Amino acid sequence: MKLYTYWRSSCSYRVRIALGLKGLAWDSIPVHLVKGEQRDPGYVAHNPSGFVPTLVLEDGTELVQSMAILDYLEAVYPDPALLPADPLDRARVLAAAHVIAMDTQPVTNVGVVGHLKATYGVDMQGGIDWMVHFMQRNLAAFDRLIAPEGTFSFGDSPTWADICLVPQLYNAHRWGVDLGRFPRLLTIERAALALPAFDAARPETQPDAE
């Protein structure tokens, strides 16, 4: 498999973690988001939205959108399971994961902040304040949705909730979010990054890291 990715893309980070947890090998094809390579016609031919990641399967099939890719990997490579079998437990994990994947990342990504700066005259600090606001609000919601105990968000094995959380925490650390309010999330982060799959997916270990 091949993965069109960017080292600091949290969506790409999610897929890198999932591939590692499933024990799947993949080759990295970097797409530099800051340089705008995601808008190049050659890349848009792979992913019409102009986002990363794009996962290319062995037969050449291309999959886009990180959560759809996670769903494919869960269906085709069910061991280890990253979602609970019980419908209620599964819904709770998905709800927490979606707080990050749908409520937080889309409004704090480089494209949105860039649009705020270019169109509305928001300066660098204003862009950071925007990101910090949404991260703080939604990490608080995530913290209330997860289980109160356990190594990870829902028990002693990682799930999609943790796969979404850890990349978002990377961004939160980067932009100065006060994470002292969320000791459980920091404990989960430490446990996750101690696992080889999470560790290998870190942005700073990627071949395109700057």
Protein backbone atom coordinates (compact mmCIF):
# COMPACT_ATOMS: atom_id res chain seq x y z
CA MET A 1 0.00 0.00 0.00
CA LYS A 2 0.96 3.63 -0.50
CA LEU A 3 -0.13 6.61 1.56
CA TYR A 4 -0.21 10.18 0.33
CA THR A 5 0.54 11.97 3.57
CA TYR A 6 1.97 15.05 5.23
CA TRP A 7 4.00 14.74 8.39
CA ARG A 8 1.94 17.24 10.39
CA SER A 9 -1.47 16.33 8.98
CA SER A 10 -3.56 14.95 11.84
CA CYS A 11 -5.79 13.09 9.37
CA SER A 12 -2.74 11.38 7.88
CA TYR A 13 -1.44 10.72 11.40
CA ARG A 14 -4.67 8.83 12.22
CA VAL A 15 -4.25 6.54 9.24
CA ARG A 16 -0.56 5.95 9.97
CA ILE A 17 -1.51 4.84 13.49
CA ALA A 18 -4.26 2.51 12.24
CA LEU A 19 -1.98 0.94 9.63
CA GLY A 20 0.59 0.32 12.34
CA LEU A 21 -1.92 -1.19 14.76
CA LYS A 22 -3.14 -3.50 12.00
CA GLY A 23 0.44 -4.51 11.20
CA LEU A 24 0.23 -3.31 7.60
CA ALA A 25 3.19 -2.12 5.54
CA TRP A 26 2.94 1.04 3.46
CA ASP A 27 5.10 3.46 1.52
CA SER A 28 4.96 7.20 2.16
CA ILE A 29 4.27 9.68 -0.66
CA PRO A 30 4.65 13.15 0.88
CA VAL A 31 2.31 15.98 -0.11
CA HIS A 32 3.56 19.32 1.25
CA LEU A 33 0.47 21.15 2.50
CA VAL A 34 2.19 24.41 3.35
CA LYS A 35 3.61 24.64 -0.17
CA GLY A 36 0.15 23.90 -1.57
CA GLU A 37 1.05 20.62 -3.28
CA GLN A 38 -2.39 19.27 -2.33
CA ARG A 39 -3.87 21.68 -4.90
CA ASP A 40 -1.67 20.51 -7.77
CA PRO A 41 -3.76 18.94 -10.58
CA GLY A 42 -1.65 15.79 -10.36
CA TYR A 43 -2.66 15.26 -6.75
CA VAL A 44 -6.27 16.39 -7.16
CA ALA A 45 -6.59 13.60 -9.72
CA HIS A 46 -6.07 11.21 -6.80
CA ASN A 47 -8.17 13.11 -4.25
CA PRO A 48 -10.73 15.58 -5.67
CA SER A 49 -11.04 17.35 -2.31
CA GLY A 50 -7.37 18.26 -2.39
CA PHE A 51 -6.75 16.89 1.10
CA VAL A 52 -4.56 14.21 2.60
CA PRO A 53 -4.51 11.33 3.20
CA THR A 54 -5.12 9.16 0.18
CA LEU A 55 -4.51 5.44 0.62
CA VAL A 56 -3.62 3.45 -2.50
CA LEU A 57 -4.34 -0.27 -2.20
CA GLU A 58 -2.26 -3.01 -3.80
CA ASP A 59 -4.62 -3.19 -6.79
CA GLY A 60 -4.43 0.58 -7.34
CA THR A 61 -7.77 1.43 -5.73
CA GLU A 62 -7.61 4.81 -4.04
CA LEU A 63 -9.40 5.65 -0.79
CA VAL A 64 -9.80 9.15 0.65
CA GLN A 65 -11.02 10.68 3.91
CA SER A 66 -9.30 9.37 7.03
CA MET A 67 -12.40 8.05 8.79
CA ALA A 68 -13.54 6.21 5.65
CA ILE A 69 -10.06 4.70 5.39
CA LEU A 70 -10.22 3.62 9.03
CA ASP A 71 -13.59 2.02 8.35
CA TYR A 72 -12.17 0.11 5.37
CA LEU A 73 -9.20 -1.11 7.39
CA GLU A 74 -11.49 -2.24 10.21
CA ALA A 75 -13.68 -4.21 7.81
CA VAL A 76 -10.88 -5.85 5.83
CA TYR A 77 -8.35 -6.29 8.64
CA PRO A 78 -10.51 -6.89 11.73
CA ASP A 79 -7.67 -8.04 14.00
CA PRO A 80 -6.94 -6.26 16.25
CA ALA A 81 -10.36 -4.72 16.58
CA LEU A 82 -10.27 -0.94 16.97
CA LEU A 83 -14.03 -0.63 17.45
CA PRO A 84 -16.16 -2.55 19.98
CA ALA A 85 -18.56 -5.22 18.74
CA ASP A 86 -21.35 -4.13 21.08
CA PRO A 87 -23.49 -1.51 19.30
CA LEU A 88 -23.78 0.83 22.29
CA ASP A 89 -20.09 0.68 23.08
CA ARG A 90 -19.31 1.22 19.41
CA ALA A 91 -21.56 4.28 19.29
CA ARG A 92 -19.81 5.77 22.33
CA VAL A 93 -16.36 5.28 20.78
CA LEU A 94 -17.53 6.79 17.50
CA ALA A 95 -19.08 9.78 19.26
CA ALA A 96 -15.79 10.61 20.99
CA ALA A 97 -13.80 10.07 17.81
CA HIS A 98 -16.14 12.32 15.85
CA VAL A 99 -15.75 15.16 18.36
CA ILE A 100 -12.15 15.30 17.14
CA ALA A 101 -12.56 14.25 13.51
CA MET A 102 -15.69 16.27 12.73
CA ASP A 103 -15.98 19.05 15.31
CA THR A 104 -12.34 19.99 15.90
CA GLN A 105 -9.91 19.19 13.09
CA PRO A 106 -12.00 20.61 10.21
CA VAL A 107 -12.17 24.09 11.76
CA THR A 108 -8.54 24.19 12.93
CA ASN A 109 -6.70 22.98 9.85
CA VAL A 110 -4.22 24.95 7.80
CA GLY A 111 -6.73 25.70 5.03
CA VAL A 112 -9.35 27.26 7.32
CA VAL A 113 -6.82 29.34 9.23
CA GLY A 114 -5.22 30.42 5.95
CA HIS A 115 -8.63 31.54 4.65
CA LEU A 116 -9.25 33.55 7.82
CA LYS A 117 -5.94 35.35 7.31
CA ALA A 118 -6.34 35.95 3.58
CA THR A 119 -10.02 36.92 3.54
CA TYR A 120 -10.72 38.49 6.91
CA GLY A 121 -7.37 39.99 7.82
CA VAL A 122 -6.82 37.78 10.85
CA ASP A 123 -3.19 37.95 11.98
CA MET A 124 -1.02 35.06 13.15
CA GLN A 125 -2.04 35.41 16.79
CA GLY A 126 -5.69 35.62 15.80
CA GLY A 127 -5.34 32.38 13.88
CA ILE A 128 -3.74 30.70 16.89
CA ASP A 129 -6.47 32.02 19.21
CA TRP A 130 -9.09 30.58 16.83
CA MET A 131 -7.47 27.13 16.90
CA VAL A 132 -6.94 27.14 20.66
CA HIS A 133 -10.59 28.09 21.28
CA PHE A 134 -11.98 25.12 19.36
CA MET A 135 -9.40 22.69 20.68
CA GLN A 136 -10.05 23.62 24.30
CA ARG A 137 -13.83 23.47 23.90
CA ASN A 138 -13.87 20.14 22.12
CA LEU A 139 -11.16 18.43 24.15
CA ALA A 140 -13.32 19.22 27.19
CA ALA A 141 -16.26 17.52 25.48
CA PHE A 142 -14.09 14.52 24.53
CA ASP A 143 -12.88 14.25 28.12
CA ARG A 144 -16.46 14.02 29.37
CA LEU A 145 -17.48 11.43 26.77
CA ILE A 146 -14.78 8.85 27.40
CA ALA A 147 -14.66 6.28 30.18
CA PRO A 148 -13.43 7.66 33.52
CA GLU A 149 -10.87 4.89 33.93
CA GLY A 150 -8.71 2.61 31.81
CA THR A 151 -5.39 2.82 30.02
CA PHE A 152 -7.05 4.27 26.94
CA SER A 153 -10.21 6.23 26.25
CA PHE A 154 -12.42 3.15 26.47
CA GLY A 155 -10.65 0.41 28.38
CA ASP A 156 -7.19 -1.09 28.07
CA SER A 157 -6.94 -1.32 24.28
CA PRO A 158 -6.74 1.56 21.78
CA THR A 159 -9.78 2.43 19.70
CA TRP A 160 -10.65 5.01 17.08
CA ALA A 161 -11.09 7.49 19.93
CA ASP A 162 -7.39 7.26 20.79
CA ILE A 163 -6.39 7.24 17.11
CA CYS A 164 -8.15 10.59 16.75
CA LEU A 165 -7.10 12.00 20.11
CA VAL A 166 -3.33 11.60 19.89
CA PRO A 167 -2.89 13.58 16.64
CA GLN A 168 -5.13 16.33 18.00
CA LEU A 169 -3.05 16.51 21.16
CA TYR A 170 0.04 16.92 19.00
CA ASN A 171 -1.58 20.04 17.55
CA ALA A 172 -2.72 21.19 20.97
CA HIS A 173 0.83 20.99 22.33
CA ARG A 174 2.12 22.80 19.25
CA TRP A 175 -0.25 25.74 19.59
CA GLY A 176 -0.08 26.15 23.35
CA VAL A 177 -3.41 24.76 24.51
CA ASP A 178 -3.52 24.52 28.31
CA LEU A 179 -3.68 20.76 28.66
CA GLY A 180 -3.25 20.80 32.44
CA ARG A 181 -7.05 20.78 32.57
CA PHE A 182 -7.07 17.32 30.99
CA PRO A 183 -4.85 14.99 33.03
CA ARG A 184 -6.67 11.89 31.82
CA LEU A 185 -6.06 12.82 28.19
CA LEU A 186 -2.36 13.30 28.87
CA THR A 187 -2.22 9.91 30.59
CA ILE A 188 -3.86 8.31 27.55
CA GLU A 189 -1.40 10.10 25.27
CA ARG A 190 1.59 8.73 27.20
CA ALA A 191 0.19 5.19 27.10
CA ALA A 192 -0.54 5.42 23.39
CA LEU A 193 2.85 6.81 22.41
CA ALA A 194 4.50 3.95 24.31
CA LEU A 195 3.03 1.57 21.72
CA PRO A 196 5.17 0.96 18.60
CA ALA A 197 2.33 1.78 16.17
CA PHE A 198 1.69 5.19 17.73
CA ASP A 199 5.38 5.90 18.17
CA ALA A 200 6.21 5.11 14.53
CA ALA A 201 3.37 7.36 13.35
CA ARG A 202 4.66 10.47 15.17
CA PRO A 203 5.06 13.48 12.86
CA GLU A 204 8.72 13.96 13.73
CA THR A 205 9.61 10.42 12.62
CA GLN A 206 8.15 10.78 9.12
CA PRO A 207 10.48 10.95 6.10
CA ASP A 208 9.14 14.37 5.10
CA ALA A 209 9.46 15.88 8.59
CA GLU A 210 11.13 19.28 8.64
